[in-house]
Amino acid sequence: MRRMLAPTLAASTLLISLPSLASDEPLNSVRIGYADIQFNTHSSDMTGMPGTTPANVQATVRDSSTLALIYERRLGGPWSLVIQTGAPPVIDFDGAGSAAPLGKVGSARAWFPAVLLAYNFNVLGVEPYVALGVNYTWFSEEKMTAAYNTAFGGTSSTSKMDDSWGAVAKVGVEIPLTGHWSAGFSYARYWLDTTATIKTQTPGLGQVKRKIDVEADPDVYSFTVGYRF
């Protein structure tokens, strides 16, 4: 949580220091809504101590959804700064390749806040935009399943997934409603990769360590309701 608060507080300090626009229009907006997350997974083969890891063991990430939360600050002209986050979803990992028959092999809670610079248009009363930025992703509550332990001859396993930085590209549209309210639709692509290190307690061998690289690169489709102030 401290890692999440640090960039948020820094961004808040930056926003306070920004000059006000010479306009009566609201400078800030907050949006909340639903985000559908569709992962595009590419996995390396799992590696480990010779003789302990079958060939072609891979992983794939199940699609998920979460509560989206977005803050936008108008900077000047068509430009704005966007901070987007949300409730961190629990994502599930399935076996792939030779591990496909195992089904679910693990899970983790994913945190991937992002900061973007947006360029806004005004077309026939609606406000389309494009944005580019960066996300910082980390994981918590990593777990492996009994199916994984059994398949690899272990009694228990722990997992640690590496943090990562990645790009974000986004397009969307805001539709003004009554007063300061609006409805929003957007599509974003996150570039997200991680390396999972899994340690399995194995009778006769002790702790066996294995690694697997996973690129998830989710497509995120969002519907939000916003308020400008």
Protein backbone atom coordinates (compact mmCIF):
# COMPACT_ATOMS: atom_id res chain seq x y z
CA MET A 1 0.00 0.00 0.00
CA ARG A 2 2.93 2.38 0.72
CA ARG A 3 4.21 1.81 -2.81
CA MET A 4 0.79 2.79 -4.18
CA LEU A 5 0.48 5.89 -1.98
CA ALA A 6 3.93 7.27 -2.85
CA PRO A 7 3.31 7.92 -6.58
CA THR A 8 -0.23 9.12 -5.81
CA LEU A 9 0.99 11.68 -3.27
CA ALA A 10 3.71 12.85 -5.65
CA ALA A 11 1.15 13.33 -8.41
CA SER A 12 -1.14 15.22 -6.03
CA THR A 13 1.70 17.60 -5.12
CA LEU A 14 2.36 18.22 -8.82
CA LEU A 15 -1.28 18.98 -9.49
CA ILE A 16 -1.49 21.53 -6.67
CA SER A 17 1.46 23.41 -8.20
CA LEU A 18 -0.06 23.61 -11.69
CA PRO A 19 -1.38 27.02 -12.81
CA SER A 20 -5.11 27.48 -13.13
CA LEU A 21 -6.63 27.69 -16.58
CA ALA A 22 -8.14 30.99 -17.64
CA SER A 23 -11.57 29.41 -17.97
CA ASP A 24 -14.69 28.87 -15.96
CA GLU A 25 -14.78 25.20 -16.93
CA PRO A 26 -14.01 22.65 -14.20
CA LEU A 27 -10.37 21.59 -14.07
CA ASN A 28 -10.84 18.25 -12.34
CA SER A 29 -12.90 15.15 -12.93
CA VAL A 30 -13.33 11.83 -11.15
CA ARG A 31 -14.70 8.74 -12.89
CA ILE A 32 -15.75 5.41 -11.44
CA GLY A 33 -17.06 2.33 -13.19
CA TYR A 34 -16.56 -1.19 -14.51
CA ALA A 35 -13.44 -2.48 -16.28
CA ASP A 36 -13.36 -5.73 -18.26
CA ILE A 37 -9.81 -7.13 -18.44
CA GLN A 38 -8.89 -9.46 -21.31
CA PHE A 39 -5.35 -10.82 -21.11
CA ASN A 40 -3.13 -11.59 -24.10
CA THR A 41 -0.72 -14.08 -22.59
CA HIS A 42 2.65 -15.22 -23.87
CA SER A 43 4.61 -17.55 -21.59
CA SER A 44 8.11 -18.93 -21.68
CA ASP A 45 8.78 -22.55 -20.74
CA MET A 46 9.28 -23.10 -17.02
CA THR A 47 12.89 -23.65 -16.00
CA GLY A 48 14.24 -25.46 -12.96
CA MET A 49 16.79 -27.90 -11.64
CA PRO A 50 17.61 -30.49 -14.34
CA GLY A 51 15.44 -33.57 -14.07
CA THR A 52 12.74 -31.88 -11.98
CA THR A 53 10.78 -29.88 -14.58
CA PRO A 54 9.01 -31.39 -17.63
CA ALA A 55 9.43 -29.72 -21.02
CA ASN A 56 6.96 -27.18 -22.40
CA VAL A 57 5.38 -26.23 -19.05
CA GLN A 58 3.75 -22.82 -19.59
CA ALA A 59 1.03 -20.64 -18.07
CA THR A 60 -1.87 -18.48 -19.22
CA VAL A 61 -3.86 -15.78 -17.41
CA ARG A 62 -7.64 -15.92 -17.10
CA ASP A 63 -9.69 -12.85 -18.02
CA SER A 64 -10.95 -10.78 -15.10
CA SER A 65 -12.79 -7.57 -14.19
CA THR A 66 -12.52 -4.85 -11.58
CA LEU A 67 -13.77 -1.50 -10.31
CA ALA A 68 -12.09 1.34 -12.23
CA LEU A 69 -11.20 4.68 -10.63
CA ILE A 70 -9.82 7.59 -12.70
CA TYR A 71 -8.77 11.13 -11.82
CA GLU A 72 -8.14 13.74 -14.54
CA ARG A 73 -6.64 17.24 -14.24
CA ARG A 74 -6.85 19.69 -17.14
CA LEU A 75 -3.42 21.21 -17.84
CA GLY A 76 -4.02 23.73 -20.60
CA GLY A 77 -5.56 23.71 -24.06
CA PRO A 78 -6.46 20.14 -25.06
CA TRP A 79 -4.00 18.48 -22.65
CA SER A 80 -4.73 16.75 -19.36
CA LEU A 81 -3.01 14.50 -16.84
CA VAL A 82 -4.79 11.23 -16.05
CA ILE A 83 -4.20 8.97 -13.05
CA GLN A 84 -6.03 5.66 -13.23
CA THR A 85 -6.22 2.82 -10.77
CA GLY A 86 -8.96 0.66 -9.26
CA ALA A 87 -9.68 -2.24 -6.99
CA PRO A 88 -6.79 -4.70 -7.50
CA PRO A 89 -8.30 -7.85 -9.02
CA VAL A 90 -7.33 -11.39 -8.08
CA ILE A 91 -6.12 -13.00 -11.29
CA ASP A 92 -5.93 -16.75 -11.87
CA PHE A 93 -3.24 -18.64 -13.75
CA ASP A 94 -3.94 -21.83 -15.69
CA GLY A 95 -1.43 -24.35 -16.89
CA ALA A 96 -0.62 -24.23 -20.61
CA GLY A 97 1.49 -26.32 -22.95
CA SER A 98 2.20 -29.68 -21.32
CA ALA A 99 0.66 -28.32 -18.07
CA ALA A 100 -2.74 -27.56 -19.64
CA PRO A 101 -4.46 -30.60 -18.02
CA LEU A 102 -3.72 -29.12 -14.56
CA GLY A 103 -6.25 -26.28 -14.92
CA LYS A 104 -5.74 -23.55 -12.34
CA VAL A 105 -2.18 -23.61 -10.97
CA GLY A 106 -1.99 -20.31 -9.07
CA SER A 107 -3.40 -16.87 -8.31
CA ALA A 108 -2.27 -13.40 -7.27
CA ARG A 109 -3.71 -9.97 -6.59
CA ALA A 110 -2.52 -7.49 -9.24
CA TRP A 111 -1.94 -3.77 -8.67
CA PHE A 112 -1.34 -1.71 -11.82
CA PRO A 113 -1.91 2.05 -11.41
CA ALA A 114 -1.01 4.21 -14.41
CA VAL A 115 -0.25 7.84 -15.23
CA LEU A 116 -1.06 9.13 -18.73
CA LEU A 117 -0.93 12.34 -20.73
CA ALA A 118 -4.16 12.80 -22.72
CA TYR A 119 -5.05 14.91 -25.75
CA ASN A 120 -8.74 15.83 -25.83
CA PHE A 121 -11.00 16.73 -28.76
CA ASN A 122 -14.50 18.20 -28.95
CA VAL A 123 -16.59 16.73 -31.77
CA LEU A 124 -20.34 17.40 -32.09
CA GLY A 125 -20.77 17.79 -28.35
CA VAL A 126 -18.83 14.68 -27.30
CA GLU A 127 -15.20 14.55 -26.16
CA PRO A 128 -13.01 11.81 -27.64
CA TYR A 129 -9.39 11.56 -26.46
CA VAL A 130 -6.16 9.65 -26.92
CA ALA A 131 -3.61 9.07 -24.17
CA LEU A 132 -0.17 7.55 -23.62
CA GLY A 133 1.54 6.78 -20.35
CA VAL A 134 3.18 4.27 -18.08
CA ASN A 135 2.00 1.70 -15.55
CA TYR A 136 3.78 0.24 -12.53
CA THR A 137 2.62 -3.26 -11.68
CA TRP A 138 3.19 -5.37 -8.60
CA PHE A 139 1.55 -8.43 -7.08
CA SER A 140 0.49 -9.62 -3.65
CA GLU A 141 -1.17 -12.70 -2.12
CA GLU A 142 0.59 -15.05 -4.57
CA LYS A 143 -0.59 -18.65 -4.13
CA MET A 144 -0.07 -22.00 -5.82
CA THR A 145 -2.76 -24.68 -6.00
CA ALA A 146 -2.81 -28.27 -4.76
CA ALA A 147 -2.92 -29.37 -8.41
CA TYR A 148 0.45 -27.71 -9.02
CA ASN A 149 1.99 -29.25 -5.89
CA THR A 150 0.78 -32.73 -6.80
CA ALA A 151 1.97 -32.47 -10.40
CA PHE A 152 5.48 -31.53 -9.30
CA GLY A 153 5.68 -34.02 -6.43
CA GLY A 154 5.68 -31.36 -3.73
CA THR A 155 3.93 -30.88 -0.42
CA SER A 156 3.65 -27.08 -0.58
CA SER A 157 4.79 -24.14 -2.72
CA THR A 158 5.38 -20.41 -2.40
CA SER A 159 5.46 -17.94 -5.28
CA LYS A 160 6.94 -14.46 -5.77
CA MET A 161 6.16 -12.37 -8.87
CA ASP A 162 8.47 -9.54 -9.93
CA ASP A 163 7.35 -5.91 -10.19
CA SER A 164 7.47 -4.27 -13.62
CA TRP A 165 7.10 -1.02 -15.55
CA GLY A 166 5.23 -0.92 -18.85
CA ALA A 167 3.60 1.39 -21.37
CA VAL A 168 -0.13 2.18 -21.60
CA ALA A 169 -2.05 3.40 -24.66
CA LYS A 170 -5.67 4.49 -24.39
CA VAL A 171 -8.52 5.85 -26.51
CA GLY A 172 -11.95 6.83 -25.27
CA VAL A 173 -14.83 9.24 -25.32
CA GLU A 174 -16.64 11.29 -22.67
CA ILE A 175 -20.31 12.06 -23.26
CA PRO A 176 -21.60 15.09 -21.28
CA LEU A 177 -24.83 14.45 -19.36
CA THR A 178 -26.74 16.84 -17.14
CA GLY A 179 -24.84 19.36 -15.04
CA HIS A 180 -21.28 18.29 -14.28
CA TRP A 181 -21.95 14.61 -14.97
CA SER A 182 -20.68 12.54 -17.88
CA ALA A 183 -20.53 8.94 -19.13
CA GLY A 184 -17.33 7.47 -20.49
CA PHE A 185 -16.26 4.54 -22.66
CA SER A 186 -12.63 3.61 -23.23
CA TYR A 187 -10.19 0.98 -24.46
CA ALA A 188 -6.66 0.68 -23.07
CA ARG A 189 -3.76 -1.65 -23.80
CA TYR A 190 -1.30 -2.32 -20.98
CA TRP A 191 2.13 -3.82 -21.60
CA LEU A 192 2.77 -5.98 -18.57
CA ASP A 193 5.32 -8.72 -17.90
CA THR A 194 6.61 -10.53 -14.86
CA THR A 195 8.79 -13.41 -13.76
CA ALA A 196 7.34 -15.82 -11.22
CA THR A 197 9.75 -17.66 -8.91
CA ILE A 198 8.12 -20.75 -7.39
CA LYS A 199 9.71 -22.71 -4.54
CA THR A 200 8.30 -26.18 -3.87
CA GLN A 201 9.04 -28.33 -0.84
CA THR A 202 9.75 -31.73 -2.38
CA PRO A 203 10.35 -34.97 -0.44
CA GLY A 204 13.86 -36.29 -1.10
CA LEU A 205 14.98 -33.07 -2.82
CA GLY A 206 14.18 -30.32 -0.35
CA GLN A 207 13.22 -26.95 -1.78
CA VAL A 208 13.12 -26.95 -5.58
CA LYS A 209 13.08 -23.54 -7.29
CA ARG A 210 11.54 -22.96 -10.72
CA LYS A 211 10.97 -19.82 -12.80
CA ILE A 212 8.60 -18.80 -15.58
CA ASP A 213 8.32 -15.55 -17.56
CA VAL A 214 4.83 -14.32 -18.43
CA GLU A 215 3.77 -11.42 -20.66
CA ALA A 216 0.11 -10.64 -19.92
CA ASP A 217 -0.52 -7.42 -21.98
CA PRO A 218 -4.21 -6.94 -21.07
CA ASP A 219 -6.84 -5.15 -23.12
CA VAL A 220 -9.06 -3.16 -20.73
CA TYR A 221 -12.56 -2.05 -21.75
CA SER A 222 -14.16 0.41 -19.34
CA PHE A 223 -17.53 2.06 -18.77
CA THR A 224 -17.51 4.90 -16.24
CA VAL A 225 -19.63 7.67 -14.79
CA GLY A 226 -17.78 10.93 -14.15
CA TYR A 227 -18.20 14.14 -12.19
CA ARG A 228 -16.37 17.40 -13.02
CA PHE A 229 -15.49 20.00 -10.42
